[in-house]
Amino acid sequence: ARPKATADFLTAIQTLPEWLRDIAVISDHIQNILNHKIVQRFPTMILILDFVFLIMVIVVFEITTSQTIDHFFDPSNNTATSPGLVFLTFVAGAYFLLRET
């Protein structure tokens, strides 16, 4: 009895106790199911987008916070934070917000 690779089946595996889940994912059938799911285009695209947006958030957040701190605490610094970088931060936040709903 080989169950189909549905979302319910994969969710059921995730809800197993950790010790049982560790044993279950060693199974050849479950490894084949996971391999089949990961090579599909849409889930792989989502994983790549998650990676790109996470890197973008880390880099842009570091740059904008440095610029803002320099602007607030250095009276001679008249340059404000780049609006484009702030916009990118909001775009990434919107992506993750939509991704979680």
Protein backbone atom coordinates (compact mmCIF):
# COMPACT_ATOMS: atom_id res chain seq x y z
CA ALA A 1 0.00 0.00 0.00
CA ARG A 2 1.90 3.00 -1.30
CA PRO A 3 0.08 6.24 -0.39
CA LYS A 4 -0.11 9.02 -2.98
CA ALA A 5 2.05 12.10 -2.55
CA THR A 6 -0.68 14.50 -1.52
CA ALA A 7 -0.37 17.56 0.66
CA ASP A 8 -2.34 15.75 3.38
CA PHE A 9 0.15 12.87 3.35
CA LEU A 10 3.14 15.22 3.64
CA THR A 11 1.39 17.20 6.38
CA ALA A 12 0.73 13.96 8.25
CA ILE A 13 4.45 13.15 8.08
CA GLN A 14 5.31 16.59 9.47
CA THR A 15 2.94 16.13 12.41
CA LEU A 16 4.53 12.86 13.50
CA PRO A 17 6.61 12.89 16.69
CA GLU A 18 10.22 13.79 15.97
CA TRP A 19 11.60 10.33 16.68
CA LEU A 20 9.07 8.72 14.33
CA ARG A 21 9.51 11.39 11.65
CA ASP A 22 13.28 10.76 11.67
CA ILE A 23 12.62 7.09 10.98
CA ALA A 24 9.89 7.78 8.40
CA VAL A 25 11.98 10.07 6.20
CA ILE A 26 14.60 7.33 5.84
CA SER A 27 12.03 5.22 4.00
CA ASP A 28 12.76 4.84 0.27
CA HIS A 29 9.15 5.57 -0.66
CA ILE A 30 9.00 8.83 1.30
CA GLN A 31 12.39 9.89 -0.10
CA ASN A 32 11.06 9.27 -3.62
CA ILE A 33 7.96 11.33 -2.84
CA LEU A 34 10.05 14.21 -1.49
CA ASN A 35 12.41 14.03 -4.48
CA HIS A 36 9.44 14.08 -6.85
CA LYS A 37 7.96 17.11 -5.09
CA ILE A 38 11.22 19.10 -5.00
CA VAL A 39 11.89 18.75 -8.74
CA GLN A 40 8.57 20.28 -9.69
CA ARG A 41 8.91 23.80 -11.07
CA PHE A 42 6.51 25.74 -8.86
CA PRO A 43 7.73 24.54 -5.43
CA THR A 44 11.33 25.00 -6.54
CA MET A 45 10.55 28.53 -7.74
CA ILE A 46 9.04 29.37 -4.35
CA LEU A 47 12.15 28.07 -2.57
CA ILE A 48 14.40 30.17 -4.82
CA LEU A 49 12.21 33.27 -4.32
CA ASP A 50 12.33 32.75 -0.55
CA PHE A 51 16.13 32.61 -0.70
CA VAL A 52 16.41 35.71 -2.91
CA PHE A 53 14.02 37.77 -0.79
CA LEU A 54 15.70 36.69 2.46
CA ILE A 55 19.13 37.74 1.16
CA MET A 56 17.62 41.00 -0.15
CA VAL A 57 16.01 41.77 3.22
CA ILE A 58 19.24 41.12 5.11
CA VAL A 59 21.37 43.29 2.81
CA VAL A 60 18.87 46.12 2.33
CA PHE A 61 17.97 46.25 6.02
CA GLU A 62 21.63 46.51 7.00
CA ILE A 63 22.25 49.31 4.49
CA THR A 64 19.13 51.31 5.39
CA THR A 65 19.66 51.01 9.14
CA SER A 66 23.27 52.15 8.78
CA GLN A 67 22.17 55.12 6.68
CA THR A 68 19.42 56.04 9.14
CA ILE A 69 21.66 55.79 12.20
CA ASP A 70 24.31 57.92 10.45
CA HIS A 71 21.66 60.47 9.50
CA PHE A 72 20.22 60.75 13.02
CA PHE A 73 23.44 60.81 15.03
CA ASP A 74 25.77 62.77 12.74
CA PRO A 75 24.65 66.42 12.47
CA SER A 76 26.90 67.03 9.47
CA ASN A 77 25.39 64.13 7.52
CA ASN A 78 22.57 65.53 5.36
CA THR A 79 21.95 62.42 3.30
CA ALA A 80 18.74 60.57 4.06
CA THR A 81 18.00 56.91 3.60
CA SER A 82 17.48 55.92 -0.02
CA PRO A 83 13.73 55.67 -0.76
CA GLY A 84 14.41 52.89 -3.27
CA LEU A 85 15.96 50.69 -0.61
CA VAL A 86 13.07 51.34 1.75
CA PHE A 87 10.70 50.40 -1.07
CA LEU A 88 12.60 47.12 -1.60
CA THR A 89 12.21 46.35 2.10
CA PHE A 90 8.45 46.87 1.82
CA VAL A 91 8.27 44.72 -1.33
CA ALA A 92 10.07 41.88 0.44
CA GLY A 93 7.80 42.29 3.47
CA ALA A 94 4.74 42.17 1.25
CA TYR A 95 6.06 39.01 -0.43
CA PHE A 96 6.51 37.24 2.91
CA LEU A 97 3.12 38.49 4.13
CA LEU A 98 1.40 37.12 1.02
CA ARG A 99 3.43 33.92 1.26
CA GLU A 100 2.15 33.23 4.78
CA THR A 101 -1.54 33.72 3.94
